Amino acid sequence: MSRALIVIDVQESFRAHPLWETTSDPKIADQVNRLVRLFRRAGDQVVWVLHSEPGTGDVFDPVLGHVRLMEELERAEGEVLVHKTSHNAFTTTNLQQLLTERGIRDLTVCGIRTEQCVETTARVASDLGHRVTVAIDATATHPIPHRDAPAGRSVAELLADPRTLPAEEVIRRTEYALAGRFATIETVDRLEAAAALRA
């Protein structure tokens, strides 16, 4: 076991947020499950990560009950689950220790949000010496408001603003930012094809 799949924040918190209706891939759990099955068949590690913000009273506050894996996900008994409170999956968890103890250097990362917790985790993992792959079509995100947009706008107002960055563009920019610097960008189809060739 020298590889691990890191599944980041594919959790009910996002479905409880009004922005979920704008998500780039509402069926992200299906893509993640494909990767999970792929890594399990190879005997590789699967690590699940949940984001929590205790005391905030929002959808990431554990007391509200949304900080749990999306119900469609296929987590097996005994697979590692870590809770983070930072954007990346390393700073506030024992993830690096877990990977080091198991001799894992190759990481494939997927999850929500593409440009935030997924991208940040990929960057930190690369700086820590890991070989990182981002399964880009097993990530999802939302449109991003312009930095000068007023806070507290409705989803309709966000989408009507021509300065809002569409989710597809956010994902494209993450690909450009990571590729050749911090990670290899792949699709689930290509990862499955590569696994078939190794078998």
N, C-alpha and C. Protein backbone atom coordinates (compact mmCIF):
# COMPACT_ATOMS: atom_id res chain seq x y z
N MET A 1 0.85 -1.19 0.00
CA MET A 1 0.00 0.00 0.00
C MET A 1 0.89 1.24 0.00
N SER A 2 1.05 1.86 -1.17
CA SER A 2 1.87 3.06 -1.26
C SER A 2 1.07 4.27 -1.74
N ARG A 3 -0.23 4.07 -1.97
CA ARG A 3 -1.06 5.16 -2.47
C ARG A 3 -2.26 5.35 -1.55
N ALA A 4 -2.80 6.58 -1.60
CA ALA A 4 -4.01 6.85 -0.83
C ALA A 4 -4.92 7.78 -1.62
N LEU A 5 -6.21 7.56 -1.45
CA LEU A 5 -7.23 8.47 -1.96
C LEU A 5 -7.69 9.32 -0.79
N ILE A 6 -7.63 10.64 -0.95
CA ILE A 6 -8.08 11.57 0.09
C ILE A 6 -9.38 12.19 -0.39
N VAL A 7 -10.48 11.87 0.27
CA VAL A 7 -11.81 12.39 -0.08
C VAL A 7 -12.12 13.55 0.86
N ILE A 8 -12.18 14.74 0.29
CA ILE A 8 -12.25 15.96 1.10
C ILE A 8 -13.65 16.57 1.10
N ASP A 9 -14.26 16.62 2.26
CA ASP A 9 -15.45 17.43 2.54
C ASP A 9 -16.65 17.11 1.66
N VAL A 10 -16.81 15.88 1.25
CA VAL A 10 -18.02 15.51 0.50
C VAL A 10 -19.07 15.21 1.56
N GLN A 11 -19.64 16.28 2.08
CA GLN A 11 -20.44 16.19 3.30
C GLN A 11 -21.77 16.92 3.15
N GLU A 12 -22.69 16.55 4.03
CA GLU A 12 -24.05 17.09 3.97
C GLU A 12 -24.09 18.59 4.22
N SER A 13 -23.06 19.15 4.83
CA SER A 13 -23.03 20.59 5.07
C SER A 13 -23.29 21.37 3.79
N PHE A 14 -22.72 20.92 2.69
CA PHE A 14 -22.89 21.65 1.44
C PHE A 14 -24.32 21.57 0.92
N ARG A 15 -24.94 20.41 1.09
CA ARG A 15 -26.33 20.28 0.63
C ARG A 15 -27.29 21.10 1.49
N ALA A 16 -26.86 21.43 2.70
CA ALA A 16 -27.70 22.24 3.58
C ALA A 16 -27.53 23.74 3.34
N HIS A 17 -26.62 24.09 2.45
CA HIS A 17 -26.32 25.50 2.16
C HIS A 17 -27.10 25.93 0.92
N PRO A 18 -27.61 27.18 0.89
CA PRO A 18 -28.36 27.65 -0.28
C PRO A 18 -27.59 27.57 -1.59
N LEU A 19 -26.26 27.65 -1.55
CA LEU A 19 -25.47 27.61 -2.78
C LEU A 19 -25.44 26.23 -3.44
N TRP A 20 -25.94 25.21 -2.74
CA TRP A 20 -25.88 23.86 -3.31
C TRP A 20 -26.58 23.81 -4.68
N GLU A 21 -27.62 24.60 -4.86
CA GLU A 21 -28.33 24.57 -6.14
C GLU A 21 -27.46 25.05 -7.29
N THR A 22 -26.35 25.70 -6.99
CA THR A 22 -25.46 26.19 -8.04
C THR A 22 -24.23 25.31 -8.21
N THR A 23 -24.14 24.21 -7.49
CA THR A 23 -22.93 23.39 -7.52
C THR A 23 -22.64 22.85 -8.91
N SER A 24 -21.37 22.72 -9.20
CA SER A 24 -20.97 22.25 -10.53
C SER A 24 -21.33 20.79 -10.77
N ASP A 25 -21.42 19.99 -9.72
CA ASP A 25 -21.75 18.57 -9.89
C ASP A 25 -22.52 18.06 -8.69
N PRO A 26 -23.85 18.16 -8.72
CA PRO A 26 -24.65 17.69 -7.60
C PRO A 26 -24.53 16.19 -7.34
N LYS A 27 -24.02 15.44 -8.33
CA LYS A 27 -23.85 13.99 -8.16
C LYS A 27 -22.39 13.63 -7.94
N ILE A 28 -21.65 14.50 -7.30
CA ILE A 28 -20.22 14.25 -7.06
C ILE A 28 -20.00 12.95 -6.32
N ALA A 29 -20.93 12.54 -5.46
CA ALA A 29 -20.76 11.30 -4.71
C ALA A 29 -20.59 10.10 -5.63
N ASP A 30 -21.23 10.12 -6.79
CA ASP A 30 -21.09 9.01 -7.73
C ASP A 30 -19.65 8.90 -8.24
N GLN A 31 -19.05 10.03 -8.60
CA GLN A 31 -17.66 10.03 -9.06
C GLN A 31 -16.72 9.60 -7.95
N VAL A 32 -16.97 10.10 -6.75
CA VAL A 32 -16.12 9.73 -5.61
C VAL A 32 -16.21 8.24 -5.35
N ASN A 33 -17.41 7.69 -5.40
CA ASN A 33 -17.56 6.24 -5.17
C ASN A 33 -16.79 5.42 -6.20
N ARG A 34 -16.75 5.88 -7.44
CA ARG A 34 -15.95 5.17 -8.46
C ARG A 34 -14.48 5.13 -8.04
N LEU A 35 -13.98 6.26 -7.58
CA LEU A 35 -12.58 6.30 -7.13
C LEU A 35 -12.36 5.42 -5.91
N VAL A 36 -13.27 5.47 -4.98
CA VAL A 36 -13.15 4.66 -3.76
C VAL A 36 -13.07 3.19 -4.12
N ARG A 37 -13.93 2.73 -5.00
CA ARG A 37 -13.90 1.33 -5.41
C ARG A 37 -12.59 0.99 -6.12
N LEU A 38 -12.10 1.91 -6.93
CA LEU A 38 -10.84 1.71 -7.65
C LEU A 38 -9.68 1.53 -6.68
N PHE A 39 -9.60 2.39 -5.67
CA PHE A 39 -8.51 2.30 -4.71
C PHE A 39 -8.64 1.08 -3.82
N ARG A 40 -9.84 0.73 -3.44
CA ARG A 40 -10.02 -0.47 -2.62
C ARG A 40 -9.59 -1.72 -3.36
N ARG A 41 -9.97 -1.81 -4.63
CA ARG A 41 -9.59 -2.99 -5.41
C ARG A 41 -8.07 -3.15 -5.48
N ALA A 42 -7.36 -2.04 -5.49
CA ALA A 42 -5.90 -2.08 -5.55
C ALA A 42 -5.27 -2.30 -4.18
N GLY A 43 -6.08 -2.33 -3.14
CA GLY A 43 -5.56 -2.50 -1.79
C GLY A 43 -4.95 -1.24 -1.22
N ASP A 44 -5.33 -0.10 -1.78
CA ASP A 44 -4.78 1.18 -1.31
C ASP A 44 -5.67 1.81 -0.24
N GLN A 45 -5.11 2.77 0.45
CA GLN A 45 -5.77 3.44 1.56
C GLN A 45 -6.81 4.44 1.06
N VAL A 46 -7.95 4.50 1.73
CA VAL A 46 -8.94 5.55 1.50
C VAL A 46 -9.08 6.33 2.80
N VAL A 47 -8.92 7.65 2.69
CA VAL A 47 -9.04 8.53 3.85
C VAL A 47 -10.17 9.51 3.59
N TRP A 48 -11.06 9.62 4.55
CA TRP A 48 -12.21 10.52 4.46
C TRP A 48 -11.95 11.72 5.35
N VAL A 49 -12.25 12.91 4.82
CA VAL A 49 -12.01 14.15 5.56
C VAL A 49 -13.32 14.93 5.64
N LEU A 50 -13.62 15.42 6.83
CA LEU A 50 -14.79 16.28 7.03
C LEU A 50 -14.33 17.62 7.58
N HIS A 51 -14.98 18.69 7.12
CA HIS A 51 -14.65 20.03 7.61
C HIS A 51 -15.67 20.44 8.66
N SER A 52 -15.18 20.98 9.78
CA SER A 52 -16.09 21.47 10.81
C SER A 52 -15.61 22.82 11.33
N GLU A 53 -16.59 23.62 11.74
CA GLU A 53 -16.32 24.94 12.31
C GLU A 53 -17.15 25.07 13.58
N PRO A 54 -16.68 24.46 14.67
CA PRO A 54 -17.45 24.47 15.91
C PRO A 54 -17.73 25.89 16.40
N GLY A 55 -18.95 26.06 16.89
CA GLY A 55 -19.33 27.34 17.49
C GLY A 55 -19.78 28.41 16.53
N THR A 56 -19.80 28.11 15.23
CA THR A 56 -20.18 29.14 14.26
C THR A 56 -21.68 29.23 14.05
N GLY A 57 -22.40 28.15 14.35
CA GLY A 57 -23.84 28.15 14.14
C GLY A 57 -24.26 28.03 12.69
N ASP A 58 -23.28 27.75 11.79
CA ASP A 58 -23.65 27.57 10.39
C ASP A 58 -23.62 26.09 10.03
N VAL A 59 -23.72 25.79 8.73
CA VAL A 59 -23.85 24.39 8.30
C VAL A 59 -22.61 23.55 8.59
N PHE A 60 -21.49 24.20 8.94
CA PHE A 60 -20.28 23.46 9.29
C PHE A 60 -20.09 23.30 10.80
N ASP A 61 -21.04 23.78 11.55
CA ASP A 61 -21.01 23.60 13.00
C ASP A 61 -21.54 22.20 13.32
N PRO A 62 -20.72 21.35 13.95
CA PRO A 62 -21.15 19.96 14.19
C PRO A 62 -22.45 19.83 14.96
N VAL A 63 -22.80 20.79 15.79
CA VAL A 63 -24.02 20.65 16.59
C VAL A 63 -25.28 20.64 15.74
N LEU A 64 -25.20 21.14 14.51
CA LEU A 64 -26.38 21.16 13.65
C LEU A 64 -26.60 19.83 12.93
N GLY A 65 -25.60 18.95 12.95
CA GLY A 65 -25.77 17.60 12.41
C GLY A 65 -25.47 17.43 10.93
N HIS A 66 -24.95 18.47 10.27
CA HIS A 66 -24.66 18.35 8.84
C HIS A 66 -23.23 17.89 8.56
N VAL A 67 -22.38 17.91 9.57
CA VAL A 67 -20.98 17.54 9.36
C VAL A 67 -20.88 16.01 9.39
N ARG A 68 -21.29 15.43 8.28
CA ARG A 68 -21.24 13.98 8.09
C ARG A 68 -21.14 13.71 6.60
N LEU A 69 -20.60 12.55 6.25
CA LEU A 69 -20.46 12.20 4.85
C LEU A 69 -21.82 12.17 4.15
N MET A 70 -21.83 12.56 2.87
CA MET A 70 -23.06 12.43 2.11
C MET A 70 -23.52 10.98 2.15
N GLU A 71 -24.82 10.82 2.28
CA GLU A 71 -25.36 9.48 2.55
C GLU A 71 -25.07 8.48 1.45
N GLU A 72 -24.82 8.93 0.21
CA GLU A 72 -24.56 8.00 -0.88
C GLU A 72 -23.15 7.42 -0.86
N LEU A 73 -22.27 8.02 -0.09
CA LEU A 73 -20.87 7.58 -0.11
C LEU A 73 -20.71 6.21 0.52
N GLU A 74 -19.74 5.46 0.00
CA GLU A 74 -19.54 4.07 0.39
C GLU A 74 -18.31 3.92 1.28
N ARG A 75 -18.37 4.46 2.48
CA ARG A 75 -17.25 4.30 3.40
C ARG A 75 -17.30 2.92 4.04
N ALA A 76 -16.18 2.23 4.00
CA ALA A 76 -16.09 0.90 4.60
C ALA A 76 -15.68 1.00 6.05
N GLU A 77 -16.08 0.02 6.82
CA GLU A 77 -15.71 -0.02 8.23
C GLU A 77 -14.19 -0.06 8.36
N GLY A 78 -13.67 0.74 9.25
CA GLY A 78 -12.24 0.77 9.49
C GLY A 78 -11.47 1.79 8.67
N GLU A 79 -12.10 2.37 7.64
CA GLU A 79 -11.41 3.39 6.87
C GLU A 79 -11.29 4.68 7.68
N VAL A 80 -10.15 5.31 7.54
CA VAL A 80 -9.83 6.48 8.37
C VAL A 80 -10.77 7.63 8.05
N LEU A 81 -11.24 8.31 9.11
CA LEU A 81 -12.04 9.52 8.99
C LEU A 81 -11.39 10.57 9.88
N VAL A 82 -11.02 11.70 9.29
CA VAL A 82 -10.43 12.79 10.07
C VAL A 82 -11.30 14.03 9.94
N HIS A 83 -11.28 14.84 10.99
CA HIS A 83 -12.02 16.11 11.02
C HIS A 83 -11.01 17.24 11.00
N LYS A 84 -11.20 18.17 10.08
CA LYS A 84 -10.29 19.32 9.99
C LYS A 84 -11.06 20.61 10.28
N THR A 85 -10.30 21.62 10.70
CA THR A 85 -10.88 22.94 10.91
C THR A 85 -10.15 24.00 10.09
N SER A 86 -9.21 23.57 9.24
CA SER A 86 -8.52 24.48 8.33
C SER A 86 -8.89 24.09 6.90
N HIS A 87 -8.51 24.92 5.94
CA HIS A 87 -8.85 24.61 4.55
C HIS A 87 -8.15 23.35 4.07
N ASN A 88 -6.88 23.15 4.42
CA ASN A 88 -6.20 21.94 3.97
C ASN A 88 -6.40 20.81 4.97
N ALA A 89 -6.19 19.60 4.50
CA ALA A 89 -6.47 18.41 5.32
C ALA A 89 -5.31 18.02 6.23
N PHE A 90 -4.24 18.81 6.25
CA PHE A 90 -3.06 18.46 7.04
C PHE A 90 -2.91 19.27 8.34
N THR A 91 -3.11 20.56 8.28
CA THR A 91 -2.71 21.46 9.37
C THR A 91 -3.34 21.11 10.71
N THR A 92 -4.61 20.76 10.72
CA THR A 92 -5.31 20.53 11.99
C THR A 92 -5.67 19.06 12.21
N THR A 93 -4.98 18.17 11.50
CA THR A 93 -5.24 16.73 11.64
C THR A 93 -3.92 15.97 11.78
N ASN A 94 -4.03 14.67 11.97
CA ASN A 94 -2.84 13.81 12.01
C ASN A 94 -2.63 13.10 10.68
N LEU A 95 -3.14 13.68 9.60
CA LEU A 95 -3.08 13.02 8.29
C LEU A 95 -1.65 12.72 7.85
N GLN A 96 -0.76 13.68 8.00
CA GLN A 96 0.63 13.44 7.57
C GLN A 96 1.27 12.31 8.37
N GLN A 97 1.01 12.26 9.66
CA GLN A 97 1.55 11.18 10.49
C GLN A 97 1.02 9.84 10.02
N LEU A 98 -0.28 9.77 9.73
CA LEU A 98 -0.90 8.54 9.26
C LEU A 98 -0.25 8.07 7.95
N LEU A 99 -0.06 9.00 7.02
CA LEU A 99 0.53 8.65 5.73
C LEU A 99 1.98 8.20 5.89
N THR A 100 2.72 8.91 6.73
CA THR A 100 4.13 8.57 6.95
C THR A 100 4.26 7.19 7.57
N GLU A 101 3.44 6.90 8.57
CA GLU A 101 3.50 5.60 9.24
C GLU A 101 3.22 4.45 8.27
N ARG A 102 2.40 4.71 7.27
CA ARG A 102 2.03 3.66 6.31
C ARG A 102 2.87 3.70 5.03
N GLY A 103 3.85 4.59 5.00
CA GLY A 103 4.75 4.67 3.85
C GLY A 103 4.07 5.16 2.58
N ILE A 104 3.05 5.97 2.70
CA ILE A 104 2.28 6.42 1.55
C ILE A 104 2.84 7.75 1.05
N ARG A 105 3.23 7.76 -0.23
CA ARG A 105 3.77 8.98 -0.85
C ARG A 105 2.89 9.50 -1.98
N ASP A 106 2.13 8.61 -2.62
CA ASP A 106 1.29 9.01 -3.77
C ASP A 106 -0.14 9.25 -3.30
N LEU A 107 -0.63 10.45 -3.55
CA LEU A 107 -1.97 10.83 -3.12
C LEU A 107 -2.83 11.22 -4.31
N THR A 108 -4.06 10.75 -4.30
CA THR A 108 -5.07 11.26 -5.23
C THR A 108 -6.10 11.98 -4.39
N VAL A 109 -6.43 13.19 -4.81
CA VAL A 109 -7.29 14.07 -4.02
C VAL A 109 -8.56 14.36 -4.81
N CYS A 110 -9.69 14.36 -4.12
CA CYS A 110 -10.96 14.73 -4.73
C CYS A 110 -11.83 15.38 -3.66
N GLY A 111 -12.96 15.96 -4.09
CA GLY A 111 -13.88 16.49 -3.09
C GLY A 111 -14.41 17.88 -3.39
N ILE A 112 -14.84 18.55 -2.33
CA ILE A 112 -15.49 19.86 -2.38
C ILE A 112 -14.70 20.81 -1.46
N ARG A 113 -14.47 22.02 -1.80
CA ARG A 113 -14.61 22.72 -3.05
C ARG A 113 -13.31 22.64 -3.81
N THR A 114 -13.44 22.64 -5.13
CA THR A 114 -12.28 22.46 -6.00
C THR A 114 -11.16 23.42 -5.67
N GLU A 115 -11.47 24.72 -5.63
CA GLU A 115 -10.44 25.76 -5.51
C GLU A 115 -10.06 26.06 -4.06
N GLN A 116 -10.80 25.49 -3.15
CA GLN A 116 -10.57 25.84 -1.74
C GLN A 116 -9.89 24.67 -1.03
N CYS A 117 -10.64 23.78 -0.45
CA CYS A 117 -10.02 22.72 0.35
C CYS A 117 -9.28 21.68 -0.49
N VAL A 118 -9.78 21.38 -1.70
CA VAL A 118 -9.08 20.41 -2.55
C VAL A 118 -7.76 21.00 -3.03
N GLU A 119 -7.81 22.19 -3.61
CA GLU A 119 -6.59 22.80 -4.13
C GLU A 119 -5.59 23.07 -3.02
N THR A 120 -6.05 23.55 -1.88
CA THR A 120 -5.13 23.86 -0.78
C THR A 120 -4.48 22.59 -0.25
N THR A 121 -5.24 21.52 -0.15
CA THR A 121 -4.68 20.25 0.29
C THR A 121 -3.63 19.75 -0.70
N ALA A 122 -3.92 19.88 -1.99
CA ALA A 122 -2.97 19.44 -3.02
C ALA A 122 -1.66 20.23 -2.91
N ARG A 123 -1.76 21.52 -2.71
CA ARG A 123 -0.55 22.35 -2.59
C ARG A 123 0.27 21.97 -1.37
N VAL A 124 -0.38 21.82 -0.22
CA VAL A 124 0.34 21.46 1.00
C VAL A 124 0.95 20.07 0.87
N ALA A 125 0.19 19.13 0.31
CA ALA A 125 0.71 17.77 0.13
C ALA A 125 1.96 17.77 -0.74
N SER A 126 1.94 18.55 -1.80
CA SER A 126 3.12 18.66 -2.66
C SER A 126 4.30 19.22 -1.90
N ASP A 127 4.07 20.27 -1.12
CA ASP A 127 5.15 20.86 -0.32
C ASP A 127 5.70 19.88 0.71
N LEU A 128 4.86 18.94 1.15
CA LEU A 128 5.31 17.93 2.11
C LEU A 128 6.03 16.76 1.44
N GLY A 129 6.14 16.80 0.12
CA GLY A 129 6.90 15.78 -0.59
C GLY A 129 6.08 14.67 -1.21
N HIS A 130 4.76 14.81 -1.20
CA HIS A 130 3.91 13.79 -1.82
C HIS A 130 3.81 14.02 -3.32
N ARG A 131 3.59 12.93 -4.05
CA ARG A 131 3.24 13.01 -5.46
C ARG A 131 1.71 13.07 -5.50
N VAL A 132 1.19 14.14 -6.06
CA VAL A 132 -0.24 14.43 -5.93
C VAL A 132 -0.93 14.37 -7.29
N THR A 133 -2.07 13.70 -7.31
CA THR A 133 -2.96 13.71 -8.46
C THR A 133 -4.29 14.28 -8.00
N VAL A 134 -4.87 15.18 -8.78
CA VAL A 134 -6.21 15.68 -8.51
C VAL A 134 -7.15 15.08 -9.54
N ALA A 135 -8.14 14.34 -9.06
CA ALA A 135 -9.18 13.78 -9.92
C ALA A 135 -10.20 14.89 -10.15
N ILE A 136 -9.97 15.70 -11.17
CA ILE A 136 -10.68 16.96 -11.32
C ILE A 136 -12.17 16.80 -11.51
N ASP A 137 -12.61 15.72 -12.15
CA ASP A 137 -14.05 15.55 -12.33
C ASP A 137 -14.70 14.81 -11.17
N ALA A 138 -13.93 14.62 -10.11
CA ALA A 138 -14.49 14.16 -8.83
C ALA A 138 -14.34 15.27 -7.80
N THR A 139 -14.35 16.52 -8.32
CA THR A 139 -14.40 17.69 -7.44
C THR A 139 -15.63 18.50 -7.83
N ALA A 140 -16.02 19.38 -6.95
CA ALA A 140 -17.17 20.26 -7.23
C ALA A 140 -16.97 21.57 -6.50
N THR A 141 -17.61 22.60 -7.05
CA THR A 141 -17.56 23.91 -6.40
C THR A 141 -18.78 24.72 -6.82
N HIS A 142 -18.79 25.99 -6.40
CA HIS A 142 -19.90 26.90 -6.69
C HIS A 142 -19.36 28.15 -7.36
N PRO A 143 -20.21 28.95 -7.95
CA PRO A 143 -19.77 30.25 -8.46
C PRO A 143 -19.20 31.10 -7.31
N ILE A 144 -18.23 31.93 -7.65
CA ILE A 144 -17.59 32.77 -6.63
C ILE A 144 -17.92 34.24 -6.90
N PRO A 145 -18.41 34.95 -5.88
CA PRO A 145 -18.70 36.37 -6.08
C PRO A 145 -17.43 37.19 -6.24
N HIS A 146 -17.56 38.32 -6.90
CA HIS A 146 -16.46 39.26 -7.02
C HIS A 146 -16.08 39.78 -5.64
N ARG A 147 -14.82 40.11 -5.46
CA ARG A 147 -14.35 40.55 -4.14
C ARG A 147 -15.08 41.80 -3.64
N ASP A 148 -15.60 42.63 -4.55
CA ASP A 148 -16.30 43.85 -4.13
C ASP A 148 -17.81 43.68 -4.02
N ALA A 149 -18.30 42.47 -4.26
CA ALA A 149 -19.74 42.23 -4.17
C ALA A 149 -20.18 42.32 -2.71
N PRO A 150 -21.34 42.88 -2.46
CA PRO A 150 -21.82 42.97 -1.07
C PRO A 150 -22.12 41.59 -0.49
N ALA A 151 -21.92 41.47 0.80
CA ALA A 151 -22.20 40.20 1.49
C ALA A 151 -23.70 40.01 1.64
N GLY A 152 -24.08 38.76 1.83
CA GLY A 152 -25.47 38.46 2.14
C GLY A 152 -26.43 38.50 0.97
N ARG A 153 -25.91 38.45 -0.24
CA ARG A 153 -26.81 38.46 -1.40
C ARG A 153 -27.46 37.10 -1.59
N SER A 154 -28.59 37.12 -2.26
CA SER A 154 -29.28 35.86 -2.57
C SER A 154 -28.54 35.14 -3.69
N VAL A 155 -28.90 33.87 -3.87
CA VAL A 155 -28.31 33.10 -4.97
C VAL A 155 -28.65 33.75 -6.30
N ALA A 156 -29.87 34.23 -6.46
CA ALA A 156 -30.26 34.87 -7.71
C ALA A 156 -29.41 36.11 -7.98
N GLU A 157 -29.16 36.90 -6.96
CA GLU A 157 -28.33 38.10 -7.13
C GLU A 157 -26.89 37.72 -7.48
N LEU A 158 -26.39 36.68 -6.83
CA LEU A 158 -25.03 36.20 -7.14
C LEU A 158 -24.92 35.81 -8.61
N LEU A 159 -25.88 35.05 -9.09
CA LEU A 159 -25.83 34.55 -10.46
C LEU A 159 -26.08 35.66 -11.47
N ALA A 160 -26.82 36.69 -11.08
CA ALA A 160 -27.11 37.79 -12.01
C ALA A 160 -25.95 38.76 -12.16
N ASP A 161 -25.01 38.74 -11.24
CA ASP A 161 -23.88 39.67 -11.27
C ASP A 161 -22.89 39.22 -12.34
N PRO A 162 -22.61 40.04 -13.36
CA PRO A 162 -21.68 39.62 -14.41
C PRO A 162 -20.25 39.44 -13.92
N ARG A 163 -19.95 39.93 -12.72
CA ARG A 163 -18.60 39.77 -12.17
C ARG A 163 -18.42 38.43 -11.48
N THR A 164 -19.50 37.71 -11.23
CA THR A 164 -19.42 36.40 -10.57
C THR A 164 -18.66 35.42 -11.46
N LEU A 165 -17.73 34.69 -10.85
CA LEU A 165 -16.95 33.70 -11.59
C LEU A 165 -17.73 32.38 -11.60
N PRO A 166 -18.11 31.88 -12.78
CA PRO A 166 -18.88 30.63 -12.84
C PRO A 166 -18.07 29.44 -12.30
N ALA A 167 -18.76 28.45 -11.79
CA ALA A 167 -18.10 27.29 -11.20
C ALA A 167 -17.16 26.60 -12.19
N GLU A 168 -17.58 26.49 -13.45
CA GLU A 168 -16.75 25.82 -14.45
C GLU A 168 -15.43 26.56 -14.65
N GLU A 169 -15.49 27.88 -14.58
CA GLU A 169 -14.27 28.68 -14.72
C GLU A 169 -13.37 28.53 -13.49
N VAL A 170 -13.97 28.42 -12.33
CA VAL A 170 -13.21 28.20 -11.10
C VAL A 170 -12.41 26.90 -11.22
N ILE A 171 -13.07 25.85 -11.69
CA ILE A 171 -12.41 24.54 -11.84
C ILE A 171 -11.29 24.63 -12.87
N ARG A 172 -11.55 25.30 -13.97
CA ARG A 172 -10.53 25.45 -15.02
C ARG A 172 -9.30 26.17 -14.47
N ARG A 173 -9.51 27.19 -13.69
CA ARG A 173 -8.38 27.94 -13.13
C ARG A 173 -7.59 27.09 -12.13
N THR A 174 -8.28 26.25 -11.38
CA THR A 174 -7.57 25.35 -10.47
C THR A 174 -6.69 24.39 -11.26
N GLU A 175 -7.21 23.85 -12.34
CA GLU A 175 -6.40 22.97 -13.19
C GLU A 175 -5.13 23.68 -13.63
N TYR A 176 -5.26 24.90 -14.11
CA TYR A 176 -4.09 25.65 -14.57
C TYR A 176 -3.12 25.93 -13.43
N ALA A 177 -3.64 26.26 -12.27
CA ALA A 177 -2.78 26.61 -11.13
C ALA A 177 -2.00 25.42 -10.61
N LEU A 178 -2.60 24.23 -10.64
CA LEU A 178 -1.96 23.05 -10.05
C LEU A 178 -1.09 22.28 -11.03
N ALA A 179 -1.52 22.16 -12.27
CA ALA A 179 -0.85 21.28 -13.23
C ALA A 179 0.60 21.69 -13.46
N GLY A 180 1.49 20.71 -13.33
CA GLY A 180 2.90 20.95 -13.58
C GLY A 180 3.63 21.65 -12.45
N ARG A 181 2.90 22.04 -11.42
CA ARG A 181 3.51 22.71 -10.27
C ARG A 181 3.31 21.89 -9.00
N PHE A 182 2.04 21.64 -8.70
CA PHE A 182 1.71 20.97 -7.45
C PHE A 182 1.09 19.59 -7.65
N ALA A 183 0.52 19.34 -8.82
CA ALA A 183 -0.22 18.09 -9.00
C ALA A 183 -0.35 17.74 -10.47
N THR A 184 -0.67 16.49 -10.70
CA THR A 184 -1.09 16.01 -12.01
C THR A 184 -2.61 16.06 -12.03
N ILE A 185 -3.17 16.52 -13.13
CA ILE A 185 -4.62 16.59 -13.24
C ILE A 185 -5.10 15.39 -14.05
N GLU A 186 -6.04 14.64 -13.49
CA GLU A 186 -6.58 13.46 -14.16
C GLU A 186 -8.10 13.45 -14.07
N THR A 187 -8.71 12.56 -14.83
CA THR A 187 -10.15 12.31 -14.73
C THR A 187 -10.34 10.91 -14.15
N VAL A 188 -11.55 10.66 -13.68
CA VAL A 188 -11.85 9.33 -13.15
C VAL A 188 -11.71 8.28 -14.24
N ASP A 189 -12.18 8.59 -15.44
CA ASP A 189 -12.05 7.63 -16.55
C ASP A 189 -10.58 7.26 -16.79
N ARG A 190 -9.70 8.25 -16.82
CA ARG A 190 -8.30 7.96 -17.11
C ARG A 190 -7.65 7.19 -15.96
N LEU A 191 -8.04 7.48 -14.73
CA LEU A 191 -7.49 6.72 -13.60
C LEU A 191 -7.95 5.28 -13.64
N GLU A 192 -9.20 5.05 -14.02
CA GLU A 192 -9.70 3.67 -14.16
C GLU A 192 -8.97 2.95 -15.29
N ALA A 193 -8.75 3.65 -16.40
CA ALA A 193 -8.04 3.02 -17.52
C ALA A 193 -6.62 2.67 -17.15
N ALA A 194 -5.94 3.55 -16.42
CA ALA A 194 -4.57 3.28 -15.99
C ALA A 194 -4.52 2.08 -15.05
N ALA A 195 -5.51 1.97 -14.16
CA ALA A 195 -5.57 0.83 -13.25
C ALA A 195 -5.79 -0.46 -14.01
N ALA A 196 -6.60 -0.43 -15.04
CA ALA A 196 -6.85 -1.63 -15.85
C ALA A 196 -5.58 -2.10 -16.54
N LEU A 197 -4.77 -1.15 -16.98
CA LEU A 197 -3.51 -1.51 -17.63
C LEU A 197 -2.53 -2.14 -16.66
N ARG A 198 -2.57 -1.68 -15.40
CA ARG A 198 -1.66 -2.25 -14.38
C ARG A 198 -2.10 -3.63 -13.94
N ALA A 199 -3.37 -3.92 -14.08
CA ALA A 199 -3.92 -5.20 -13.56
C ALA A 199 -3.44 -6.39 -14.38
